[in-house]
Amino acid sequence: MDIILVIASTLFIILGILGSFLPVLPGPLTSWLGLLLLHFTDAIPMNIDFVIITLVIAILIWVLDYIIPVIGTKRFGGTKYGMIGTTLGLIVGLIAPIPGGIIIGPFVGALIGELLNKADSKTALKAAFGSFIGFLTSTFIKFIVAIIYLGLFIGMLWDYRAPLFSF
């Protein structure tokens, strides 16, 4: 049973890292589920403080993921149209087979959104840049937390390798 939990944990950790870039998966929360599953093995003792602290961090990052791009857009003079354009541009950038689409998509989406809101091109470009910076900041923070959770996961696997993998 422990091996099944370790495999499922590994999948959730990997999905969490991917979720740092994909808008449909909450990256750090998914990675946290991987850590939680690992604690359900018989070989690794359940440390409730560790589980709660990592959950609080994952929830905090999840909330910030929605706030940071808004702050970036507003700080650079953007509107809701820019935020909606950023999100749509990210989705199109993920789906379209364009190299760098995940980076170009949010910027172009925010620019188009602001232009549709009847902003002049200079204002729209500034708001698109702010939205883009907010998106990159949020993505970077999610990725760092997911990588830290990966490090914790690997550390726990290493520390408890003997009881986990002895047949």
N, C-alpha and C. Protein backbone atom coordinates (compact mmCIF):
# COMPACT_ATOMS: atom_id res chain seq x y z
N MET A 1 0.83 -1.20 0.00
CA MET A 1 0.00 0.00 0.00
C MET A 1 0.87 1.26 0.00
N ASP A 2 1.99 1.19 0.72
CA ASP A 2 2.87 2.36 0.77
C ASP A 2 3.39 2.75 -0.61
N ILE A 3 3.71 1.77 -1.42
CA ILE A 3 4.23 2.07 -2.76
C ILE A 3 3.18 2.78 -3.60
N ILE A 4 1.93 2.37 -3.47
CA ILE A 4 0.84 3.03 -4.21
C ILE A 4 0.72 4.48 -3.76
N LEU A 5 0.82 4.73 -2.46
CA LEU A 5 0.75 6.10 -1.95
C LEU A 5 1.95 6.92 -2.41
N VAL A 6 3.12 6.31 -2.46
CA VAL A 6 4.31 7.03 -2.93
C VAL A 6 4.16 7.38 -4.41
N ILE A 7 3.64 6.47 -5.20
CA ILE A 7 3.43 6.75 -6.63
C ILE A 7 2.39 7.86 -6.81
N ALA A 8 1.30 7.78 -6.07
CA ALA A 8 0.27 8.84 -6.15
C ALA A 8 0.84 10.17 -5.67
N SER A 9 1.64 10.14 -4.62
CA SER A 9 2.28 11.37 -4.11
C SER A 9 3.17 11.99 -5.18
N THR A 10 3.95 11.14 -5.83
CA THR A 10 4.84 11.61 -6.88
C THR A 10 4.06 12.28 -8.01
N LEU A 11 2.95 11.67 -8.39
CA LEU A 11 2.12 12.26 -9.45
C LEU A 11 1.58 13.62 -9.04
N PHE A 12 1.12 13.73 -7.79
CA PHE A 12 0.59 15.01 -7.33
C PHE A 12 1.69 16.08 -7.25
N ILE A 13 2.88 15.69 -6.84
CA ILE A 13 3.99 16.65 -6.78
C ILE A 13 4.31 17.15 -8.20
N ILE A 14 4.37 16.24 -9.16
CA ILE A 14 4.65 16.63 -10.55
C ILE A 14 3.51 17.50 -11.10
N LEU A 15 2.27 17.12 -10.83
CA LEU A 15 1.13 17.94 -11.26
C LEU A 15 1.17 19.32 -10.61
N GLY A 16 1.63 19.38 -9.38
CA GLY A 16 1.74 20.67 -8.69
C GLY A 16 2.74 21.59 -9.37
N ILE A 17 3.85 21.01 -9.81
CA ILE A 17 4.85 21.82 -10.52
C ILE A 17 4.26 22.30 -11.85
N LEU A 18 3.60 21.40 -12.57
CA LEU A 18 2.94 21.80 -13.82
C LEU A 18 1.85 22.83 -13.56
N GLY A 19 1.15 22.68 -12.44
CA GLY A 19 0.08 23.60 -12.08
C GLY A 19 0.57 25.01 -11.78
N SER A 20 1.87 25.15 -11.57
CA SER A 20 2.42 26.50 -11.40
C SER A 20 2.29 27.31 -12.67
N PHE A 21 2.22 26.62 -13.81
CA PHE A 21 2.13 27.30 -15.10
C PHE A 21 0.76 27.18 -15.74
N LEU A 22 0.03 26.13 -15.39
CA LEU A 22 -1.29 25.89 -15.98
C LEU A 22 -2.38 26.50 -15.10
N PRO A 23 -3.26 27.29 -15.67
CA PRO A 23 -4.26 27.97 -14.85
C PRO A 23 -5.35 27.05 -14.30
N VAL A 24 -5.46 25.82 -14.83
CA VAL A 24 -6.53 24.94 -14.36
C VAL A 24 -6.15 24.16 -13.11
N LEU A 25 -4.87 24.09 -12.80
CA LEU A 25 -4.42 23.36 -11.61
C LEU A 25 -3.84 24.32 -10.58
N PRO A 26 -4.30 24.24 -9.34
CA PRO A 26 -3.68 25.07 -8.30
C PRO A 26 -2.36 24.43 -7.88
N GLY A 27 -1.25 24.90 -8.41
CA GLY A 27 0.05 24.28 -8.24
C GLY A 27 0.44 23.88 -6.83
N PRO A 28 0.65 24.84 -5.92
CA PRO A 28 1.08 24.48 -4.58
C PRO A 28 0.06 23.61 -3.82
N LEU A 29 -1.22 23.83 -4.03
CA LEU A 29 -2.22 22.98 -3.36
C LEU A 29 -2.14 21.54 -3.86
N THR A 30 -1.90 21.37 -5.14
CA THR A 30 -1.76 20.03 -5.70
C THR A 30 -0.50 19.37 -5.15
N SER A 31 0.60 20.12 -5.08
CA SER A 31 1.82 19.58 -4.49
C SER A 31 1.60 19.22 -3.02
N TRP A 32 0.85 20.06 -2.33
CA TRP A 32 0.56 19.76 -0.92
C TRP A 32 -0.18 18.44 -0.78
N LEU A 33 -1.11 18.16 -1.69
CA LEU A 33 -1.81 16.87 -1.65
C LEU A 33 -0.81 15.72 -1.77
N GLY A 34 0.23 15.91 -2.57
CA GLY A 34 1.28 14.90 -2.67
C GLY A 34 1.99 14.69 -1.34
N LEU A 35 2.29 15.80 -0.65
CA LEU A 35 2.92 15.68 0.67
C LEU A 35 1.99 15.00 1.66
N LEU A 36 0.71 15.34 1.61
CA LEU A 36 -0.26 14.74 2.51
C LEU A 36 -0.36 13.22 2.28
N LEU A 37 -0.44 12.82 1.03
CA LEU A 37 -0.51 11.39 0.72
C LEU A 37 0.72 10.65 1.24
N LEU A 38 1.87 11.29 1.14
CA LEU A 38 3.10 10.67 1.63
C LEU A 38 3.03 10.43 3.14
N HIS A 39 2.36 11.32 3.84
CA HIS A 39 2.24 11.17 5.29
C HIS A 39 1.25 10.07 5.68
N PHE A 40 0.45 9.61 4.74
CA PHE A 40 -0.47 8.52 5.03
C PHE A 40 0.19 7.14 4.91
N THR A 41 1.45 7.11 4.47
CA THR A 41 2.15 5.83 4.42
C THR A 41 2.46 5.39 5.84
N ASP A 42 2.63 4.10 6.01
CA ASP A 42 2.98 3.57 7.33
C ASP A 42 4.42 3.91 7.72
N ALA A 43 5.28 4.10 6.73
CA ALA A 43 6.70 4.31 6.98
C ALA A 43 7.03 5.73 7.44
N ILE A 44 6.23 6.69 7.05
CA ILE A 44 6.53 8.09 7.39
C ILE A 44 5.55 8.54 8.47
N PRO A 45 6.09 8.96 9.63
CA PRO A 45 5.20 9.38 10.71
C PRO A 45 4.45 10.67 10.34
N MET A 46 3.21 10.76 10.76
CA MET A 46 2.39 11.95 10.49
C MET A 46 2.80 13.06 11.45
N ASN A 47 3.31 14.13 10.90
CA ASN A 47 3.66 15.31 11.68
C ASN A 47 2.61 16.37 11.37
N ILE A 48 1.64 16.50 12.26
CA ILE A 48 0.49 17.37 12.00
C ILE A 48 0.91 18.83 11.84
N ASP A 49 1.94 19.27 12.57
CA ASP A 49 2.41 20.65 12.43
C ASP A 49 2.92 20.90 11.01
N PHE A 50 3.69 19.95 10.49
CA PHE A 50 4.22 20.07 9.12
C PHE A 50 3.08 20.14 8.11
N VAL A 51 2.10 19.27 8.28
CA VAL A 51 0.97 19.22 7.35
C VAL A 51 0.18 20.54 7.39
N ILE A 52 -0.06 21.07 8.57
CA ILE A 52 -0.84 22.31 8.70
C ILE A 52 -0.06 23.50 8.15
N ILE A 53 1.22 23.60 8.48
CA ILE A 53 2.02 24.74 8.00
C ILE A 53 2.12 24.74 6.47
N THR A 54 2.37 23.57 5.89
CA THR A 54 2.46 23.52 4.42
C THR A 54 1.11 23.79 3.77
N LEU A 55 0.02 23.38 4.42
CA LEU A 55 -1.32 23.69 3.89
C LEU A 55 -1.59 25.19 3.94
N VAL A 56 -1.26 25.83 5.04
CA VAL A 56 -1.49 27.28 5.16
C VAL A 56 -0.68 28.02 4.09
N ILE A 57 0.55 27.61 3.87
CA ILE A 57 1.37 28.25 2.82
C ILE A 57 0.74 28.03 1.45
N ALA A 58 0.29 26.82 1.18
CA ALA A 58 -0.33 26.53 -0.13
C ALA A 58 -1.59 27.37 -0.34
N ILE A 59 -2.41 27.50 0.69
CA ILE A 59 -3.64 28.31 0.58
C ILE A 59 -3.29 29.78 0.39
N LEU A 60 -2.29 30.26 1.12
CA LEU A 60 -1.87 31.65 0.98
C LEU A 60 -1.39 31.94 -0.45
N ILE A 61 -0.61 31.05 -1.00
CA ILE A 61 -0.12 31.22 -2.38
C ILE A 61 -1.28 31.15 -3.37
N TRP A 62 -2.23 30.27 -3.11
CA TRP A 62 -3.41 30.16 -3.98
C TRP A 62 -4.19 31.47 -4.00
N VAL A 63 -4.38 32.08 -2.84
CA VAL A 63 -5.09 33.36 -2.75
C VAL A 63 -4.28 34.46 -3.44
N LEU A 64 -2.98 34.49 -3.18
CA LEU A 64 -2.12 35.51 -3.80
C LEU A 64 -2.09 35.39 -5.32
N ASP A 65 -2.30 34.19 -5.82
CA ASP A 65 -2.31 33.97 -7.26
C ASP A 65 -3.40 34.79 -7.95
N TYR A 66 -4.47 35.06 -7.24
CA TYR A 66 -5.55 35.87 -7.80
C TYR A 66 -5.33 37.36 -7.55
N ILE A 67 -4.58 37.69 -6.54
CA ILE A 67 -4.40 39.09 -6.15
C ILE A 67 -3.24 39.75 -6.90
N ILE A 68 -2.13 39.05 -7.05
CA ILE A 68 -0.92 39.65 -7.62
C ILE A 68 -1.12 40.18 -9.05
N PRO A 69 -1.72 39.40 -9.98
CA PRO A 69 -1.93 39.99 -11.32
C PRO A 69 -2.83 41.21 -11.32
N VAL A 70 -3.81 41.23 -10.44
CA VAL A 70 -4.70 42.40 -10.33
C VAL A 70 -3.89 43.61 -9.86
N ILE A 71 -3.03 43.40 -8.88
CA ILE A 71 -2.20 44.50 -8.39
C ILE A 71 -1.30 45.01 -9.51
N GLY A 72 -0.69 44.08 -10.27
CA GLY A 72 0.18 44.49 -11.37
C GLY A 72 -0.57 45.29 -12.42
N THR A 73 -1.77 44.83 -12.75
CA THR A 73 -2.56 45.53 -13.76
C THR A 73 -2.98 46.91 -13.26
N LYS A 74 -3.49 46.97 -12.03
CA LYS A 74 -3.95 48.26 -11.50
C LYS A 74 -2.80 49.24 -11.31
N ARG A 75 -1.65 48.73 -10.88
CA ARG A 75 -0.50 49.60 -10.65
C ARG A 75 -0.04 50.27 -11.95
N PHE A 76 -0.24 49.58 -13.06
CA PHE A 76 0.16 50.13 -14.35
C PHE A 76 -1.02 50.72 -15.12
N GLY A 77 -2.15 50.94 -14.44
CA GLY A 77 -3.28 51.63 -15.05
C GLY A 77 -4.24 50.76 -15.82
N GLY A 78 -4.25 49.48 -15.59
CA GLY A 78 -5.12 48.57 -16.33
C GLY A 78 -6.52 48.48 -15.74
N THR A 79 -7.40 47.83 -16.48
CA THR A 79 -8.79 47.66 -16.07
C THR A 79 -9.13 46.17 -16.04
N LYS A 80 -10.42 45.88 -15.78
CA LYS A 80 -10.89 44.49 -15.81
C LYS A 80 -10.68 43.87 -17.19
N TYR A 81 -10.82 44.67 -18.21
CA TYR A 81 -10.65 44.17 -19.57
C TYR A 81 -9.23 43.63 -19.77
N GLY A 82 -8.26 44.31 -19.19
CA GLY A 82 -6.88 43.84 -19.27
C GLY A 82 -6.69 42.53 -18.53
N MET A 83 -7.34 42.39 -17.38
CA MET A 83 -7.23 41.14 -16.61
C MET A 83 -7.90 39.99 -17.35
N ILE A 84 -9.06 40.24 -17.90
CA ILE A 84 -9.76 39.19 -18.67
C ILE A 84 -8.93 38.82 -19.89
N GLY A 85 -8.38 39.83 -20.55
CA GLY A 85 -7.51 39.57 -21.71
C GLY A 85 -6.28 38.76 -21.34
N THR A 86 -5.71 39.04 -20.17
CA THR A 86 -4.55 38.28 -19.70
C THR A 86 -4.90 36.81 -19.55
N THR A 87 -6.04 36.54 -18.91
CA THR A 87 -6.46 35.15 -18.69
C THR A 87 -6.74 34.44 -20.01
N LEU A 88 -7.47 35.11 -20.88
CA LEU A 88 -7.77 34.50 -22.19
C LEU A 88 -6.50 34.30 -23.01
N GLY A 89 -5.61 35.27 -22.93
CA GLY A 89 -4.34 35.15 -23.65
C GLY A 89 -3.50 33.99 -23.13
N LEU A 90 -3.56 33.75 -21.82
CA LEU A 90 -2.83 32.63 -21.25
C LEU A 90 -3.39 31.31 -21.76
N ILE A 91 -4.70 31.21 -21.79
CA ILE A 91 -5.34 29.98 -22.28
C ILE A 91 -5.00 29.74 -23.75
N VAL A 92 -5.10 30.78 -24.56
CA VAL A 92 -4.76 30.66 -25.99
C VAL A 92 -3.28 30.32 -26.13
N GLY A 93 -2.43 30.95 -25.33
CA GLY A 93 -0.99 30.67 -25.38
C GLY A 93 -0.65 29.24 -25.02
N LEU A 94 -1.45 28.65 -24.14
CA LEU A 94 -1.22 27.25 -23.77
C LEU A 94 -1.66 26.29 -24.87
N ILE A 95 -2.77 26.64 -25.52
CA ILE A 95 -3.36 25.76 -26.53
C ILE A 95 -2.65 25.91 -27.88
N ALA A 96 -2.35 27.13 -28.26
CA ALA A 96 -1.76 27.39 -29.58
C ALA A 96 -0.33 26.85 -29.65
N PRO A 97 0.02 26.26 -30.76
CA PRO A 97 1.38 25.71 -30.90
C PRO A 97 2.41 26.79 -31.26
N ILE A 98 2.39 27.87 -30.49
CA ILE A 98 3.31 28.98 -30.73
C ILE A 98 4.45 28.88 -29.72
N PRO A 99 5.71 28.91 -30.17
CA PRO A 99 6.81 28.91 -29.19
C PRO A 99 6.71 30.14 -28.28
N GLY A 100 6.76 29.91 -26.99
CA GLY A 100 6.66 31.00 -26.03
C GLY A 100 5.25 31.52 -25.85
N GLY A 101 4.25 30.76 -26.28
CA GLY A 101 2.86 31.20 -26.20
C GLY A 101 2.40 31.47 -24.78
N ILE A 102 2.94 30.74 -23.82
CA ILE A 102 2.55 30.93 -22.43
C ILE A 102 3.04 32.29 -21.90
N ILE A 103 4.05 32.86 -22.54
CA ILE A 103 4.57 34.16 -22.12
C ILE A 103 3.96 35.28 -22.98
N ILE A 104 3.86 35.03 -24.27
CA ILE A 104 3.34 36.05 -25.19
C ILE A 104 1.82 36.21 -25.03
N GLY A 105 1.11 35.09 -24.81
CA GLY A 105 -0.35 35.10 -24.73
C GLY A 105 -0.92 36.08 -23.73
N PRO A 106 -0.46 36.05 -22.45
CA PRO A 106 -1.03 36.99 -21.47
C PRO A 106 -0.77 38.46 -21.83
N PHE A 107 0.40 38.74 -22.36
CA PHE A 107 0.71 40.11 -22.74
C PHE A 107 -0.20 40.59 -23.86
N VAL A 108 -0.29 39.80 -24.93
CA VAL A 108 -1.13 40.17 -26.07
C VAL A 108 -2.60 40.24 -25.65
N GLY A 109 -3.03 39.28 -24.81
CA GLY A 109 -4.42 39.29 -24.33
C GLY A 109 -4.74 40.54 -23.55
N ALA A 110 -3.83 40.95 -22.66
CA ALA A 110 -4.06 42.18 -21.89
C ALA A 110 -4.08 43.40 -22.80
N LEU A 111 -3.20 43.43 -23.78
CA LEU A 111 -3.16 44.54 -24.72
C LEU A 111 -4.47 44.64 -25.50
N ILE A 112 -4.93 43.52 -26.02
CA ILE A 112 -6.19 43.51 -26.78
C ILE A 112 -7.36 43.89 -25.87
N GLY A 113 -7.36 43.36 -24.65
CA GLY A 113 -8.43 43.70 -23.71
C GLY A 113 -8.50 45.18 -23.42
N GLU A 114 -7.35 45.79 -23.23
CA GLU A 114 -7.33 47.23 -22.95
C GLU A 114 -7.72 48.04 -24.19
N LEU A 115 -7.30 47.59 -25.36
CA LEU A 115 -7.68 48.30 -26.59
C LEU A 115 -9.19 48.18 -26.83
N LEU A 116 -9.77 47.04 -26.49
CA LEU A 116 -11.23 46.89 -26.61
C LEU A 116 -11.96 47.78 -25.62
N ASN A 117 -11.29 48.13 -24.55
CA ASN A 117 -11.87 49.03 -23.54
C ASN A 117 -11.70 50.48 -23.95
N LYS A 118 -11.27 50.68 -25.18
CA LYS A 118 -11.10 52.01 -25.76
C LYS A 118 -9.97 52.82 -25.12
N ALA A 119 -8.97 52.12 -24.61
CA ALA A 119 -7.78 52.81 -24.10
C ALA A 119 -6.88 53.15 -25.29
N ASP A 120 -6.12 54.25 -25.16
CA ASP A 120 -5.19 54.56 -26.24
C ASP A 120 -4.05 53.53 -26.19
N SER A 121 -3.29 53.45 -27.25
CA SER A 121 -2.29 52.38 -27.37
C SER A 121 -1.20 52.48 -26.30
N LYS A 122 -0.83 53.67 -25.90
CA LYS A 122 0.21 53.82 -24.87
C LYS A 122 -0.30 53.32 -23.52
N THR A 123 -1.51 53.69 -23.16
CA THR A 123 -2.12 53.23 -21.91
C THR A 123 -2.34 51.72 -21.94
N ALA A 124 -2.80 51.22 -23.08
CA ALA A 124 -3.04 49.78 -23.21
C ALA A 124 -1.74 49.01 -23.09
N LEU A 125 -0.68 49.52 -23.69
CA LEU A 125 0.62 48.84 -23.62
C LEU A 125 1.15 48.83 -22.19
N LYS A 126 0.99 49.95 -21.50
CA LYS A 126 1.43 50.04 -20.11
C LYS A 126 0.65 49.06 -19.22
N ALA A 127 -0.67 49.01 -19.39
CA ALA A 127 -1.51 48.10 -18.61
C ALA A 127 -1.19 46.64 -18.95
N ALA A 128 -0.93 46.36 -20.21
CA ALA A 128 -0.58 44.99 -20.62
C ALA A 128 0.75 44.59 -19.97
N PHE A 129 1.68 45.51 -19.92
CA PHE A 129 2.96 45.22 -19.28
C PHE A 129 2.76 44.94 -17.79
N GLY A 130 1.92 45.73 -17.13
CA GLY A 130 1.64 45.51 -15.71
C GLY A 130 0.98 44.16 -15.46
N SER A 131 0.04 43.83 -16.29
CA SER A 131 -0.64 42.54 -16.18
C SER A 131 0.35 41.41 -16.40
N PHE A 132 1.20 41.57 -17.38
CA PHE A 132 2.21 40.57 -17.70
C PHE A 132 3.18 40.39 -16.52
N ILE A 133 3.63 41.49 -15.93
CA ILE A 133 4.54 41.42 -14.78
C ILE A 133 3.85 40.73 -13.60
N GLY A 134 2.58 41.06 -13.37
CA GLY A 134 1.83 40.41 -12.30
C GLY A 134 1.70 38.92 -12.54
N PHE A 135 1.41 38.53 -13.77
CA PHE A 135 1.30 37.12 -14.12
C PHE A 135 2.62 36.39 -13.89
N LEU A 136 3.73 36.98 -14.37
CA LEU A 136 5.03 36.35 -14.19
C LEU A 136 5.41 36.23 -12.72
N THR A 137 5.11 37.26 -11.94
CA THR A 137 5.42 37.23 -10.51
C THR A 137 4.64 36.12 -9.82
N SER A 138 3.36 36.05 -10.10
CA SER A 138 2.51 35.02 -9.50
C SER A 138 2.98 33.62 -9.90
N THR A 139 3.29 33.43 -11.17
CA THR A 139 3.76 32.14 -11.66
C THR A 139 5.08 31.76 -11.00
N PHE A 140 5.97 32.71 -10.87
CA PHE A 140 7.27 32.46 -10.25
C PHE A 140 7.11 32.04 -8.80
N ILE A 141 6.26 32.71 -8.07
CA ILE A 141 6.04 32.36 -6.66
C ILE A 141 5.45 30.96 -6.54
N LYS A 142 4.46 30.64 -7.37
CA LYS A 142 3.88 29.29 -7.34
C LYS A 142 4.92 28.23 -7.67
N PHE A 143 5.75 28.50 -8.67
CA PHE A 143 6.77 27.55 -9.06
C PHE A 143 7.78 27.32 -7.93
N ILE A 144 8.21 28.39 -7.29
CA ILE A 144 9.18 28.26 -6.19
C ILE A 144 8.60 27.42 -5.06
N VAL A 145 7.35 27.68 -4.68
CA VAL A 145 6.72 26.91 -3.61
C VAL A 145 6.59 25.44 -4.03
N ALA A 146 6.19 25.18 -5.26
CA ALA A 146 6.07 23.80 -5.73
C ALA A 146 7.43 23.09 -5.72
N ILE A 147 8.49 23.80 -6.08
CA ILE A 147 9.83 23.21 -6.05
C ILE A 147 10.27 22.96 -4.60
N ILE A 148 9.94 23.85 -3.70
CA ILE A 148 10.26 23.63 -2.28
C ILE A 148 9.52 22.39 -1.78
N TYR A 149 8.25 22.24 -2.16
CA TYR A 149 7.50 21.05 -1.77
C TYR A 149 8.11 19.80 -2.38
N LEU A 150 8.63 19.90 -3.61
CA LEU A 150 9.33 18.78 -4.22
C LEU A 150 10.56 18.42 -3.39
N GLY A 151 11.30 19.43 -2.95
CA GLY A 151 12.48 19.20 -2.11
C GLY A 151 12.11 18.52 -0.79
N LEU A 152 11.03 18.97 -0.17
CA LEU A 152 10.56 18.35 1.06
C LEU A 152 10.16 16.90 0.81
N PHE A 153 9.49 16.66 -0.31
CA PHE A 153 9.06 15.32 -0.70
C PHE A 153 10.27 14.40 -0.87
N ILE A 154 11.26 14.86 -1.62
CA ILE A 154 12.47 14.07 -1.84
C ILE A 154 13.19 13.83 -0.52
N GLY A 155 13.26 14.85 0.32
CA GLY A 155 13.90 14.70 1.63
C GLY A 155 13.22 13.64 2.48
N MET A 156 11.90 13.64 2.49
CA MET A 156 11.17 12.63 3.28
C MET A 156 11.37 11.24 2.69
N LEU A 157 11.35 11.14 1.37
CA LEU A 157 11.60 9.84 0.74
C LEU A 157 13.00 9.33 1.09
N TRP A 158 13.96 10.24 1.08
CA TRP A 158 15.33 9.84 1.38
C TRP A 158 15.47 9.42 2.85
N ASP A 159 14.89 10.21 3.75
CA ASP A 159 15.00 9.92 5.18
C ASP A 159 14.34 8.59 5.56
N TYR A 160 13.26 8.26 4.89
CA TYR A 160 12.51 7.05 5.23
C TYR A 160 12.59 6.00 4.11
N ARG A 161 13.67 6.02 3.35
CA ARG A 161 13.80 5.09 2.23
C ARG A 161 13.85 3.64 2.68
N ALA A 162 14.50 3.36 3.79
CA ALA A 162 14.60 1.97 4.25
C ALA A 162 13.24 1.37 4.59
N PRO A 163 12.44 2.03 5.45
CA PRO A 163 11.13 1.43 5.73
C PRO A 163 10.16 1.48 4.54
N LEU A 164 10.32 2.47 3.68
CA LEU A 164 9.41 2.59 2.54
C LEU A 164 9.65 1.53 1.48
N PHE A 165 10.92 1.26 1.21
CA PHE A 165 11.24 0.42 0.07
C PHE A 165 11.79 -0.95 0.46
N SER A 166 11.61 -1.36 1.70
CA SER A 166 12.02 -2.71 2.09
C SER A 166 10.84 -3.66 1.89
N PHE A 167 11.08 -4.70 1.17
CA PHE A 167 9.98 -5.63 0.85
C PHE A 167 10.10 -6.86 1.68
